[in-house]
Amino acid sequence: MKKQNEKLFTILALIVLGILVYLAENNLDAYKLRILNISAIYVTLGVSLNLIYGFTGQFSLGHAGFMAIGAYVTTLLVLPPYYKEMIFILEPLVWPFTVIRAPFIVALLLSGLLSALVAILIGLPVLRLRGDYLGIATLGFAEIVRIIANNIPQVTNGALGIKGIPEFSNLWWTVGVAVFTIYIIKGLINSSYGRALMAIRENEIAAEVIGVDLTYHKVMSFTISAFFAGVAGGLFACLLTTIDPKAFMLVMTFNI
C-alpha cells in the first residue's frame, strides 16, 4: 500500500510539474525563463555532484571540466556544417566534426558518454587519493580541460569561443533532465550499490573489510556523476548559445 501511494504521489507530482512547465513556457518572459532554465541545469549538476561528494564521500572538484567536455561535444554535434566553416577562422575545424551533425538528444547522450569515459580514465588513478589530495587532483583536471580548450582552436575555436549555437534548451529539456537525474540517483542510492557507496563514505577500511570493492564503486560513482555533468554542460551551451573556455573556470565548480 505504501509503495502504491508513493507511485500515485509521484505521478501526480509529475503531472503538476508538467502543467507548471507548460504555463511557464507560454507565459513568462525570456529573462524569467532563462533563470528557471539555469536553475534546472544547476539541479542536475548539484544532484550529480552530491552522488560522488555527498553519498560516496569523495572530495571531487572536477565538475566544471566534465561540464566543459559536454558543452563542446554538444556544440560541435548540433551546429550545421556550413556554419562551422564560417566561425572557425583561427584554424579550420578538424574532421569529422566538419561533416557531422546530430539531433540534440543524440548530442546530449554522446556528451554524457564521452564525459563518463574521461571520468573512467582519470578516475582509476586519481580516486586512489583521499581528502584534500583528491580535491586538488580533480581541481587540476578541470583546469587542464579549460587550458586544453583554450589551446586547440581547430576543435574549440580557442579563446574566441563558439557563438550562434542553436537554442535547443528549454524548460521541457532542462526540467526533464533534472527529474531524470534525480530519479536515477535516487534509485541508485536506494539499491545495494548505494549502501556500498555510503559505507565507503563512513569508513573505507571497514567497507573494504566487509567486501566492498572500493575502486569499482568509487569509479562507478565518479563516472555516473560525470555523465550527468556532461549532459548538463550540453544543455548549458544550448541555452546560452555561446561558449568559451572562460565559462568553465574553477569558480564554476564552486558555484555548483
Protein backbone atom coordinates (compact mmCIF):
# COMPACT_ATOMS: atom_id res chain seq x y z
CA MET A 1 0.00 0.00 0.00
CA LYS A 2 2.80 2.39 0.89
CA LYS A 3 4.55 1.79 -2.43
CA GLN A 4 1.29 2.33 -4.32
CA ASN A 5 0.77 5.63 -2.51
CA GLU A 6 4.31 6.69 -3.35
CA LYS A 7 3.79 5.86 -7.03
CA LEU A 8 0.49 7.75 -7.09
CA PHE A 9 2.09 10.76 -5.42
CA THR A 10 4.98 10.67 -7.90
CA ILE A 11 2.63 10.53 -10.88
CA LEU A 12 0.56 13.43 -9.54
CA ALA A 13 3.72 15.45 -8.84
CA LEU A 14 4.96 14.88 -12.40
CA ILE A 15 1.59 15.94 -13.83
CA VAL A 16 1.61 19.12 -11.74
CA LEU A 17 5.22 19.79 -12.75
CA GLY A 18 4.33 19.31 -16.41
CA ILE A 19 1.46 21.79 -16.09
CA LEU A 20 3.75 24.33 -14.40
CA VAL A 21 6.38 23.92 -17.12
CA TYR A 22 3.74 24.41 -19.81
CA LEU A 23 2.41 27.55 -18.14
CA ALA A 24 5.91 28.93 -17.64
CA GLU A 25 6.93 28.29 -21.25
CA ASN A 26 3.85 30.07 -22.57
CA ASN A 27 3.52 32.95 -20.12
CA LEU A 28 6.90 34.01 -18.75
CA ASP A 29 9.28 36.42 -20.46
CA ALA A 30 12.70 35.42 -21.75
CA TYR A 31 14.56 36.67 -18.66
CA LYS A 32 12.49 34.64 -16.21
CA LEU A 33 12.69 31.58 -18.43
CA ARG A 34 16.48 31.93 -18.54
CA ILE A 35 16.59 31.99 -14.72
CA LEU A 36 14.41 28.88 -14.47
CA ASN A 37 16.41 27.01 -17.10
CA ILE A 38 19.73 27.77 -15.41
CA SER A 39 18.24 26.73 -12.07
CA ALA A 40 17.13 23.39 -13.53
CA ILE A 41 20.57 22.80 -15.03
CA TYR A 42 22.15 23.50 -11.65
CA VAL A 43 19.77 20.98 -10.09
CA THR A 44 21.20 18.34 -12.43
CA LEU A 45 24.74 19.43 -11.62
CA GLY A 46 24.10 19.57 -7.88
CA VAL A 47 22.44 16.17 -7.68
CA SER A 48 25.18 14.54 -9.75
CA LEU A 49 27.91 16.16 -7.65
CA ASN A 50 26.13 15.03 -4.49
CA LEU A 51 26.48 11.42 -5.66
CA ILE A 52 30.27 11.49 -5.58
CA TYR A 53 30.75 14.05 -2.83
CA GLY A 54 27.75 13.61 -0.55
CA PHE A 55 26.95 9.91 -0.77
CA THR A 56 30.37 8.49 -1.63
CA GLY A 57 32.35 10.98 0.43
CA GLN A 58 34.94 11.73 -2.27
CA PHE A 59 36.13 15.35 -2.36
CA SER A 60 35.79 15.91 -6.12
CA LEU A 61 36.16 19.39 -7.64
CA GLY A 62 36.27 18.42 -11.31
CA HIS A 63 32.66 19.04 -12.32
CA ALA A 64 33.50 22.13 -14.38
CA GLY A 65 35.82 20.02 -16.52
CA PHE A 66 33.16 17.43 -17.32
CA MET A 67 30.68 20.20 -17.97
CA ALA A 68 33.09 21.78 -20.46
CA ILE A 69 33.55 18.47 -22.28
CA GLY A 70 29.79 18.06 -22.59
CA ALA A 71 29.28 21.63 -23.74
CA TYR A 72 31.85 21.44 -26.54
CA VAL A 73 30.79 17.99 -27.74
CA THR A 74 27.13 19.01 -27.91
CA THR A 75 28.02 22.25 -29.69
CA LEU A 76 30.15 20.56 -32.34
CA LEU A 77 27.44 17.97 -33.00
CA VAL A 78 24.41 20.28 -33.29
CA LEU A 79 25.97 23.06 -35.38
CA PRO A 80 25.33 22.76 -39.15
CA PRO A 81 28.49 22.05 -41.21
CA TYR A 82 28.29 25.27 -43.26
CA TYR A 83 28.19 27.37 -40.09
CA LYS A 84 31.24 25.61 -38.65
CA GLU A 85 33.22 26.68 -41.72
CA MET A 86 32.22 30.30 -41.09
CA ILE A 87 33.15 30.59 -37.41
CA PHE A 88 36.41 28.62 -37.26
CA ILE A 89 38.64 31.41 -38.51
CA LEU A 90 41.81 30.81 -36.48
CA GLU A 91 42.25 27.28 -37.79
CA PRO A 92 39.90 25.02 -39.79
CA LEU A 93 37.81 22.60 -37.77
CA VAL A 94 39.20 19.08 -37.79
CA TRP A 95 37.44 16.16 -39.45
CA PRO A 96 34.98 14.51 -38.73
CA PHE A 97 33.34 17.45 -36.94
CA THR A 98 33.27 19.32 -40.25
CA VAL A 99 30.65 16.95 -41.67
CA ILE A 100 28.88 15.54 -38.61
CA ARG A 101 25.56 16.86 -37.40
CA ALA A 102 23.41 15.02 -34.86
CA PRO A 103 19.97 15.52 -33.28
CA PHE A 104 20.02 17.34 -29.95
CA ILE A 105 19.15 14.29 -27.85
CA VAL A 106 21.90 12.24 -29.52
CA ALA A 107 24.38 15.05 -28.93
CA LEU A 108 23.46 15.17 -25.24
CA LEU A 109 23.86 11.42 -24.84
CA LEU A 110 27.23 11.41 -26.59
CA SER A 111 28.34 14.34 -24.44
CA GLY A 112 27.46 12.41 -21.32
CA LEU A 113 29.12 9.23 -22.58
CA LEU A 114 32.36 10.99 -23.50
CA SER A 115 32.44 12.72 -20.11
CA ALA A 116 31.87 9.34 -18.46
CA LEU A 117 34.69 7.77 -20.49
CA VAL A 118 37.08 10.53 -19.43
CA ALA A 119 35.93 10.02 -15.83
CA ILE A 120 36.85 6.34 -16.01
CA LEU A 121 40.29 7.11 -17.45
CA ILE A 122 41.19 9.68 -14.80
CA GLY A 123 39.18 8.08 -12.00
CA LEU A 124 41.13 4.83 -11.92
CA PRO A 125 44.38 6.52 -10.80
CA VAL A 126 43.00 9.69 -9.14
CA LEU A 127 40.41 8.04 -6.88
CA ARG A 128 43.20 6.24 -5.06
CA LEU A 129 43.82 9.60 -3.41
CA ARG A 130 41.77 10.81 -0.47
CA GLY A 131 40.61 14.05 1.08
CA ASP A 132 42.32 17.28 0.06
CA TYR A 133 44.69 15.44 -2.27
CA LEU A 134 41.76 14.15 -4.30
CA GLY A 135 40.22 17.61 -4.36
CA ILE A 136 43.45 19.15 -5.66
CA ALA A 137 43.84 16.44 -8.32
CA THR A 138 40.28 16.81 -9.64
CA LEU A 139 40.54 20.60 -9.50
CA GLY A 140 43.69 20.31 -11.57
CA PHE A 141 41.84 18.11 -14.07
CA ALA A 142 39.14 20.76 -14.52
CA GLU A 143 41.77 23.44 -15.11
CA ILE A 144 43.63 21.20 -17.58
CA VAL A 145 40.42 20.74 -19.59
CA ARG A 146 39.91 24.50 -19.71
CA ILE A 147 43.51 25.15 -20.79
CA ILE A 148 43.30 22.47 -23.49
CA ALA A 149 40.07 24.04 -24.77
CA ASN A 150 41.88 27.37 -24.91
CA ASN A 151 44.76 25.95 -26.94
CA ILE A 152 43.17 23.71 -29.58
CA PRO A 153 41.43 26.23 -31.88
CA GLN A 154 40.97 23.54 -34.53
CA VAL A 155 38.41 21.90 -32.21
CA THR A 156 37.14 24.57 -29.80
CA ASN A 157 37.92 27.78 -31.73
CA GLY A 158 40.26 28.68 -28.89
CA ALA A 159 39.75 31.80 -26.80
CA LEU A 160 37.27 33.18 -29.37
CA GLY A 161 34.77 30.54 -28.33
CA ILE A 162 31.80 29.39 -30.38
CA LYS A 163 28.80 31.62 -30.95
CA GLY A 164 25.46 31.08 -32.65
CA ILE A 165 24.75 27.71 -31.04
CA PRO A 166 21.15 26.61 -31.69
CA GLU A 167 18.97 27.38 -28.67
CA PHE A 168 17.53 23.91 -28.18
CA SER A 169 17.39 24.06 -24.39
CA ASN A 170 14.04 24.97 -22.89
CA LEU A 171 12.20 24.12 -19.69
CA TRP A 172 10.98 20.81 -21.09
CA TRP A 173 14.57 19.73 -21.63
CA THR A 174 16.21 21.23 -18.54
CA VAL A 175 13.48 20.22 -16.10
CA GLY A 176 13.09 16.83 -17.76
CA VAL A 177 16.81 16.07 -17.45
CA ALA A 178 16.79 17.28 -13.83
CA VAL A 179 13.88 14.97 -12.96
CA PHE A 180 15.53 12.06 -14.77
CA THR A 181 18.79 12.70 -12.91
CA ILE A 182 17.02 12.72 -9.55
CA TYR A 183 15.18 9.51 -10.45
CA ILE A 184 18.37 7.67 -11.45
CA ILE A 185 20.43 8.87 -8.50
CA LYS A 186 17.62 8.11 -6.04
CA GLY A 187 17.26 4.61 -7.46
CA LEU A 188 20.99 4.05 -7.22
CA ILE A 189 21.19 5.26 -3.62
CA ASN A 190 18.30 3.02 -2.55
CA SER A 191 19.98 -0.04 -4.09
CA SER A 192 22.76 -2.24 -2.74
CA TYR A 193 25.22 -0.09 -4.70
CA GLY A 194 24.03 2.96 -2.79
CA ARG A 195 24.56 1.24 0.53
CA ALA A 196 28.07 0.32 -0.56
CA LEU A 197 28.77 3.94 -1.50
CA MET A 198 27.58 5.18 1.87
CA ALA A 199 29.68 2.53 3.59
CA ILE A 200 32.72 3.90 1.75
CA ARG A 201 31.79 7.41 2.89
CA GLU A 202 31.57 6.39 6.53
CA ASN A 203 34.72 4.27 6.71
CA GLU A 204 36.70 2.99 3.75
CA ILE A 205 38.67 0.45 5.75
CA ALA A 206 35.55 -1.05 7.31
CA ALA A 207 33.81 -1.09 3.92
CA GLU A 208 36.70 -2.98 2.37
CA VAL A 209 36.72 -5.46 5.25
CA ILE A 210 33.06 -6.36 4.65
CA GLY A 211 33.75 -7.00 0.96
CA VAL A 212 33.05 -3.68 -0.78
CA ASP A 213 35.23 -3.19 -3.86
CA LEU A 214 36.47 0.35 -3.22
CA THR A 215 37.92 1.03 -6.66
CA TYR A 216 34.88 -0.29 -8.55
CA HIS A 217 32.32 1.63 -6.51
CA LYS A 218 34.30 4.87 -6.43
CA VAL A 219 34.87 4.83 -10.18
CA MET A 220 31.22 3.90 -10.81
CA SER A 221 30.01 6.83 -8.70
CA PHE A 222 32.51 9.19 -10.33
CA THR A 223 31.52 8.04 -13.82
CA ILE A 224 27.76 8.42 -13.29
CA SER A 225 28.33 11.83 -11.77
CA ALA A 226 30.45 12.87 -14.77
CA PHE A 227 27.84 11.59 -17.24
CA PHE A 228 25.16 13.91 -15.89
CA ALA A 229 27.65 16.78 -15.65
CA GLY A 230 28.39 16.33 -19.35
CA VAL A 231 24.70 16.32 -20.23
CA ALA A 232 24.20 19.45 -18.13
CA GLY A 233 27.09 21.07 -19.99
CA GLY A 234 25.36 20.37 -23.30
CA LEU A 235 22.13 21.91 -22.02
CA PHE A 236 24.10 24.89 -20.74
CA ALA A 237 25.71 25.51 -24.14
CA CYS A 238 22.40 25.28 -26.00
CA LEU A 239 20.80 27.66 -23.51
CA LEU A 240 23.41 30.44 -23.60
CA THR A 241 24.07 29.86 -27.36
CA THR A 242 27.71 30.80 -26.87
CA ILE A 243 30.61 29.15 -25.05
CA ASP A 244 34.28 29.81 -24.49
CA PRO A 245 36.90 28.43 -22.07
CA LYS A 246 36.29 31.27 -19.59
CA ALA A 247 32.79 29.92 -18.96
CA PHE A 248 34.27 26.85 -17.28
CA MET A 249 36.77 28.36 -14.87
CA LEU A 250 37.33 26.90 -11.40
CA VAL A 251 34.61 29.09 -9.91
CA MET A 252 32.02 27.09 -11.87
CA THR A 253 32.56 24.04 -9.65
CA PHE A 254 32.21 26.14 -6.51
CA ASN A 255 29.01 27.71 -7.89
CA ILE A 256 27.52 24.22 -8.14
